[in-house]
Amino acid sequence: TKQFASRLPANNALLWGARGMGKS
C-alpha cells in the first residue's frame, strides 16, 4: 500500500482464508 500511495509499482491483493480473522 505504501508503494502504491507513493506512485510506485504495486500489486492487486487477495486476502483469503478463515472467517473472522481480520481480512477486511
PDB file of all heavy atoms in Angstrom:
ATOM      1  N   THR A   1       0.826  -1.205   0.000  1.00  0.00           N
ATOM      2  CA  THR A   1       0.000   0.000   0.000  1.00  0.00           C
ATOM      3  C   THR A   1       0.857   1.251   0.000  1.00  0.00           C
ATOM      4  O   THR A   1       0.539   2.242  -0.668  1.00  0.00           O
ATOM      5  CB  THR A   1      -0.943  -0.008   1.219  1.00  0.00           C
ATOM      6  OG1 THR A   1      -1.685  -1.231   1.250  1.00  0.00           O
ATOM      7  CG2 THR A   1      -1.915   1.152   1.164  1.00  0.00           C
ATOM      8  N   LYS A   2       1.963   1.237   0.746  1.00  0.00           N
ATOM      9  CA  LYS A   2       2.890   2.383   0.744  1.00  0.00           C
ATOM     10  C   LYS A   2       3.465   2.615  -0.651  1.00  0.00           C
ATOM     11  O   LYS A   2       3.572   3.757  -1.107  1.00  0.00           O
ATOM     12  CB  LYS A   2       4.013   2.133   1.746  1.00  0.00           C
ATOM     13  CG  LYS A   2       3.625   2.322   3.203  1.00  0.00           C
ATOM     14  CD  LYS A   2       4.759   1.926   4.127  1.00  0.00           C
ATOM     15  CE  LYS A   2       6.001   2.755   3.899  1.00  0.00           C
ATOM     16  NZ  LYS A   2       7.105   2.350   4.816  1.00  0.00           N
ATOM     17  N   GLN A   3       3.845   1.535  -1.332  1.00  0.00           N
ATOM     18  CA  GLN A   3       4.377   1.666  -2.689  1.00  0.00           C
ATOM     19  C   GLN A   3       3.330   2.297  -3.608  1.00  0.00           C
ATOM     20  O   GLN A   3       3.648   3.202  -4.391  1.00  0.00           O
ATOM     21  CB  GLN A   3       4.785   0.293  -3.230  1.00  0.00           C
ATOM     22  CG  GLN A   3       5.997  -0.296  -2.557  1.00  0.00           C
ATOM     23  CD  GLN A   3       6.292  -1.715  -2.995  1.00  0.00           C
ATOM     24  OE1 GLN A   3       7.049  -2.429  -2.344  1.00  0.00           O
ATOM     25  NE2 GLN A   3       5.679  -2.153  -4.083  1.00  0.00           N
ATOM     26  N   PHE A   4       2.101   1.823  -3.505  1.00  0.00           N
ATOM     27  CA  PHE A   4       1.045   2.362  -4.354  1.00  0.00           C
ATOM     28  C   PHE A   4       0.800   3.833  -4.060  1.00  0.00           C
ATOM     29  O   PHE A   4       0.694   4.653  -4.985  1.00  0.00           O
ATOM     30  CB  PHE A   4      -0.241   1.561  -4.149  1.00  0.00           C
ATOM     31  CG  PHE A   4      -1.442   2.164  -4.809  1.00  0.00           C
ATOM     32  CD1 PHE A   4      -1.565   2.164  -6.187  1.00  0.00           C
ATOM     33  CD2 PHE A   4      -2.444   2.764  -4.053  1.00  0.00           C
ATOM     34  CE1 PHE A   4      -2.671   2.742  -6.812  1.00  0.00           C
ATOM     35  CE2 PHE A   4      -3.542   3.338  -4.659  1.00  0.00           C
ATOM     36  CZ  PHE A   4      -3.655   3.328  -6.042  1.00  0.00           C
ATOM     37  N   ALA A   5       0.716   4.186  -2.767  1.00  0.00           N
ATOM     38  CA  ALA A   5       0.457   5.574  -2.393  1.00  0.00           C
ATOM     39  C   ALA A   5       1.591   6.485  -2.851  1.00  0.00           C
ATOM     40  O   ALA A   5       1.364   7.669  -3.150  1.00  0.00           O
ATOM     41  CB  ALA A   5       0.261   5.686  -0.884  1.00  0.00           C
ATOM     42  N   SER A   6       2.809   5.938  -2.935  1.00  0.00           N
ATOM     43  CA  SER A   6       3.976   6.716  -3.367  1.00  0.00           C
ATOM     44  C   SER A   6       4.177   6.684  -4.872  1.00  0.00           C
ATOM     45  O   SER A   6       5.241   7.057  -5.378  1.00  0.00           O
ATOM     46  CB  SER A   6       5.234   6.182  -2.669  1.00  0.00           C
ATOM     47  OG  SER A   6       5.130   6.290  -1.267  1.00  0.00           O
ATOM     48  N   ARG A   7       3.183   6.199  -5.608  1.00  0.00           N
ATOM     49  CA  ARG A   7       3.208   6.138  -7.074  1.00  0.00           C
ATOM     50  C   ARG A   7       4.279   5.186  -7.600  1.00  0.00           C
ATOM     51  O   ARG A   7       4.827   5.380  -8.686  1.00  0.00           O
ATOM     52  CB  ARG A   7       3.388   7.542  -7.675  1.00  0.00           C
ATOM     53  CG  ARG A   7       2.287   8.504  -7.277  1.00  0.00           C
ATOM     54  CD  ARG A   7       2.504   9.911  -7.768  1.00  0.00           C
ATOM     55  NE  ARG A   7       1.453  10.784  -7.287  1.00  0.00           N
ATOM     56  CZ  ARG A   7       0.315  11.045  -7.940  1.00  0.00           C
ATOM     57  NH1 ARG A   7       0.101  10.502  -9.116  1.00  0.00           N
ATOM     58  NH2 ARG A   7      -0.589  11.846  -7.409  1.00  0.00           N
ATOM     59  N   LEU A   8       4.560   4.155  -6.815  1.00  0.00           N
ATOM     60  CA  LEU A   8       5.478   3.105  -7.236  1.00  0.00           C
ATOM     61  C   LEU A   8       4.683   1.872  -7.641  1.00  0.00           C
ATOM     62  O   LEU A   8       3.507   1.739  -7.288  1.00  0.00           O
ATOM     63  CB  LEU A   8       6.440   2.761  -6.089  1.00  0.00           C
ATOM     64  CG  LEU A   8       7.385   3.883  -5.653  1.00  0.00           C
ATOM     65  CD1 LEU A   8       8.123   3.488  -4.379  1.00  0.00           C
ATOM     66  CD2 LEU A   8       8.372   4.224  -6.760  1.00  0.00           C
ATOM     67  N   PRO A   9       5.286   0.947  -8.395  1.00  0.00           N
ATOM     68  CA  PRO A   9       4.551  -0.264  -8.778  1.00  0.00           C
ATOM     69  C   PRO A   9       4.065  -1.032  -7.550  1.00  0.00           C
ATOM     70  O   PRO A   9       4.760  -1.156  -6.544  1.00  0.00           O
ATOM     71  CB  PRO A   9       5.600  -1.074  -9.556  1.00  0.00           C
ATOM     72  CG  PRO A   9       6.577  -0.063 -10.049  1.00  0.00           C
ATOM     73  CD  PRO A   9       6.640   0.992  -8.988  1.00  0.00           C
ATOM     74  N   ALA A  10       2.838  -1.544  -7.636  1.00  0.00           N
ATOM     75  CA  ALA A  10       2.236  -2.320  -6.544  1.00  0.00           C
ATOM     76  C   ALA A  10       1.243  -3.301  -7.143  1.00  0.00           C
ATOM     77  O   ALA A  10       0.802  -3.156  -8.296  1.00  0.00           O
ATOM     78  CB  ALA A  10       1.544  -1.397  -5.537  1.00  0.00           C
ATOM     79  N   ASN A  11       0.878  -4.304  -6.365  1.00  0.00           N
ATOM     80  CA  ASN A  11       0.016  -5.386  -6.851  1.00  0.00           C
ATOM     81  C   ASN A  11      -1.400  -5.301  -6.295  1.00  0.00           C
ATOM     82  O   ASN A  11      -1.619  -4.847  -5.163  1.00  0.00           O
ATOM     83  CB  ASN A  11       0.603  -6.743  -6.448  1.00  0.00           C
ATOM     84  CG  ASN A  11       1.732  -7.182  -7.354  1.00  0.00           C
ATOM     85  OD1 ASN A  11       1.556  -7.296  -8.564  1.00  0.00           O
ATOM     86  ND2 ASN A  11       2.894  -7.420  -6.776  1.00  0.00           N
ATOM     87  N   ASN A  12      -2.364  -5.782  -7.084  1.00  0.00           N
ATOM     88  CA  ASN A  12      -3.681  -6.078  -6.547  1.00  0.00           C
ATOM     89  C   ASN A  12      -3.508  -7.166  -5.483  1.00  0.00           C
ATOM     90  O   ASN A  12      -2.646  -8.043  -5.619  1.00  0.00           O
ATOM     91  CB  ASN A  12      -4.620  -6.583  -7.639  1.00  0.00           C
ATOM     92  CG  ASN A  12      -4.792  -5.577  -8.756  1.00  0.00           C
ATOM     93  OD1 ASN A  12      -5.058  -4.413  -8.518  1.00  0.00           O
ATOM     94  ND2 ASN A  12      -4.626  -6.026 -10.000  1.00  0.00           N
ATOM     95  N   ALA A  13      -4.327  -7.125  -4.435  1.00  0.00           N
ATOM     96  CA  ALA A  13      -4.142  -8.060  -3.323  1.00  0.00           C
ATOM     97  C   ALA A  13      -5.418  -8.841  -3.054  1.00  0.00           C
ATOM     98  O   ALA A  13      -6.522  -8.280  -3.044  1.00  0.00           O
ATOM     99  CB  ALA A  13      -3.715  -7.316  -2.061  1.00  0.00           C
ATOM    100  N   LEU A  14      -5.247 -10.154  -2.831  1.00  0.00           N
ATOM    101  CA  LEU A  14      -6.343 -11.036  -2.437  1.00  0.00           C
ATOM    102  C   LEU A  14      -6.049 -11.548  -1.035  1.00  0.00           C
ATOM    103  O   LEU A  14      -5.051 -12.232  -0.809  1.00  0.00           O
ATOM    104  CB  LEU A  14      -6.475 -12.207  -3.412  1.00  0.00           C
ATOM    105  CG  LEU A  14      -7.503 -13.284  -3.031  1.00  0.00           C
ATOM    106  CD1 LEU A  14      -8.911 -12.698  -2.985  1.00  0.00           C
ATOM    107  CD2 LEU A  14      -7.449 -14.456  -4.015  1.00  0.00           C
ATOM    108  N   LEU A  15      -6.921 -11.211  -0.094  1.00  0.00           N
ATOM    109  CA  LEU A  15      -6.801 -11.670   1.280  1.00  0.00           C
ATOM    110  C   LEU A  15      -7.804 -12.802   1.455  1.00  0.00           C
ATOM    111  O   LEU A  15      -9.018 -12.577   1.417  1.00  0.00           O
ATOM    112  CB  LEU A  15      -7.088 -10.540   2.269  1.00  0.00           C
ATOM    113  CG  LEU A  15      -6.074  -9.387   2.361  1.00  0.00           C
ATOM    114  CD1 LEU A  15      -6.106  -8.511   1.107  1.00  0.00           C
ATOM    115  CD2 LEU A  15      -6.354  -8.530   3.580  1.00  0.00           C
ATOM    116  N   TRP A  16      -7.309 -14.010   1.609  1.00  0.00           N
ATOM    117  CA  TRP A  16      -8.206 -15.166   1.626  1.00  0.00           C
ATOM    118  C   TRP A  16      -7.968 -16.004   2.886  1.00  0.00           C
ATOM    119  O   TRP A  16      -6.906 -15.945   3.507  1.00  0.00           O
ATOM    120  CB  TRP A  16      -7.973 -16.045   0.386  1.00  0.00           C
ATOM    121  CG  TRP A  16      -6.616 -16.696   0.374  1.00  0.00           C
ATOM    122  CD1 TRP A  16      -5.443 -16.157  -0.081  1.00  0.00           C
ATOM    123  CD2 TRP A  16      -6.288 -17.991   0.881  1.00  0.00           C
ATOM    124  NE1 TRP A  16      -4.404 -17.036   0.103  1.00  0.00           N
ATOM    125  CE2 TRP A  16      -4.887 -18.168   0.691  1.00  0.00           C
ATOM    126  CE3 TRP A  16      -7.025 -19.012   1.473  1.00  0.00           C
ATOM    127  CZ2 TRP A  16      -4.229 -19.338   1.077  1.00  0.00           C
ATOM    128  CZ3 TRP A  16      -6.366 -20.183   1.857  1.00  0.00           C
ATOM    129  CH2 TRP A  16      -4.994 -20.338   1.656  1.00  0.00           C
ATOM    130  N   GLY A  17      -8.987 -16.781   3.251  1.00  0.00           N
ATOM    131  CA  GLY A  17      -8.787 -17.708   4.356  1.00  0.00           C
ATOM    132  C   GLY A  17      -9.918 -17.706   5.366  1.00  0.00           C
ATOM    133  O   GLY A  17     -11.075 -17.410   5.053  1.00  0.00           O
ATOM    134  N   ALA A  18      -9.566 -18.065   6.596  1.00  0.00           N
ATOM    135  CA  ALA A  18     -10.543 -18.338   7.653  1.00  0.00           C
ATOM    136  C   ALA A  18     -11.440 -17.126   7.924  1.00  0.00           C
ATOM    137  O   ALA A  18     -10.997 -15.978   7.878  1.00  0.00           O
ATOM    138  CB  ALA A  18      -9.810 -18.754   8.923  1.00  0.00           C
ATOM    139  N   ARG A  19     -12.696 -17.414   8.219  1.00  0.00           N
ATOM    140  CA  ARG A  19     -13.660 -16.359   8.542  1.00  0.00           C
ATOM    141  C   ARG A  19     -13.305 -15.693   9.868  1.00  0.00           C
ATOM    142  O   ARG A  19     -12.836 -16.347  10.806  1.00  0.00           O
ATOM    143  CB  ARG A  19     -15.079 -16.941   8.636  1.00  0.00           C
ATOM    144  CG  ARG A  19     -15.602 -17.537   7.349  1.00  0.00           C
ATOM    145  CD  ARG A  19     -17.071 -17.888   7.484  1.00  0.00           C
ATOM    146  NE  ARG A  19     -17.289 -18.832   8.577  1.00  0.00           N
ATOM    147  CZ  ARG A  19     -17.221 -20.149   8.445  1.00  0.00           C
ATOM    148  NH1 ARG A  19     -16.908 -20.683   7.269  1.00  0.00           N
ATOM    149  NH2 ARG A  19     -17.452 -20.940   9.471  1.00  0.00           N
ATOM    150  N   GLY A  20     -13.576 -14.405   9.938  1.00  0.00           N
ATOM    151  CA  GLY A  20     -13.432 -13.683  11.190  1.00  0.00           C
ATOM    152  C   GLY A  20     -12.016 -13.424  11.640  1.00  0.00           C
ATOM    153  O   GLY A  20     -11.791 -13.042  12.795  1.00  0.00           O
ATOM    154  N   MET A  21     -11.039 -13.594  10.764  1.00  0.00           N
ATOM    155  CA  MET A  21      -9.639 -13.434  11.162  1.00  0.00           C
ATOM    156  C   MET A  21      -9.045 -12.088  10.755  1.00  0.00           C
ATOM    157  O   MET A  21      -7.837 -11.915  10.734  1.00  0.00           O
ATOM    158  CB  MET A  21      -8.793 -14.572  10.609  1.00  0.00           C
ATOM    159  CG  MET A  21      -8.886 -15.850  11.445  1.00  0.00           C
ATOM    160  SD  MET A  21      -8.503 -15.589  13.193  1.00  0.00           S
ATOM    161  CE  MET A  21      -6.800 -15.058  13.098  1.00  0.00           C
ATOM    162  N   GLY A  22      -9.895 -11.126  10.412  1.00  0.00           N
ATOM    163  CA  GLY A  22      -9.419  -9.763  10.245  1.00  0.00           C
ATOM    164  C   GLY A  22      -9.045  -9.352   8.838  1.00  0.00           C
ATOM    165  O   GLY A  22      -8.296  -8.377   8.661  1.00  0.00           O
ATOM    166  N   LYS A  23      -9.572 -10.031   7.828  1.00  0.00           N
ATOM    167  CA  LYS A  23      -9.199  -9.687   6.450  1.00  0.00           C
ATOM    168  C   LYS A  23      -9.672  -8.274   6.099  1.00  0.00           C
ATOM    169  O   LYS A  23      -8.876  -7.429   5.678  1.00  0.00           O
ATOM    170  CB  LYS A  23      -9.794 -10.728   5.487  1.00  0.00           C
ATOM    171  CG  LYS A  23      -9.241 -12.132   5.686  1.00  0.00           C
ATOM    172  CD  LYS A  23      -9.756 -13.106   4.632  1.00  0.00           C
ATOM    173  CE  LYS A  23     -11.239 -13.391   4.758  1.00  0.00           C
ATOM    174  NZ  LYS A  23     -11.571 -14.132   6.006  1.00  0.00           N
ATOM    175  N   SER A  24     -10.958  -8.009   6.244  1.00  0.00           N
ATOM    176  CA  SER A  24     -11.465  -6.682   5.903  1.00  0.00           C
ATOM    177  C   SER A  24     -10.975  -5.633   6.900  1.00  0.00           C
ATOM    178  O   SER A  24     -10.708  -4.488   6.530  1.00  0.00           O
ATOM    179  CB  SER A  24     -12.996  -6.687   5.841  1.00  0.00           C
ATOM    180  OG  SER A  24     -13.558  -7.059   7.092  1.00  0.00           O
TER     181      SER A  24
END
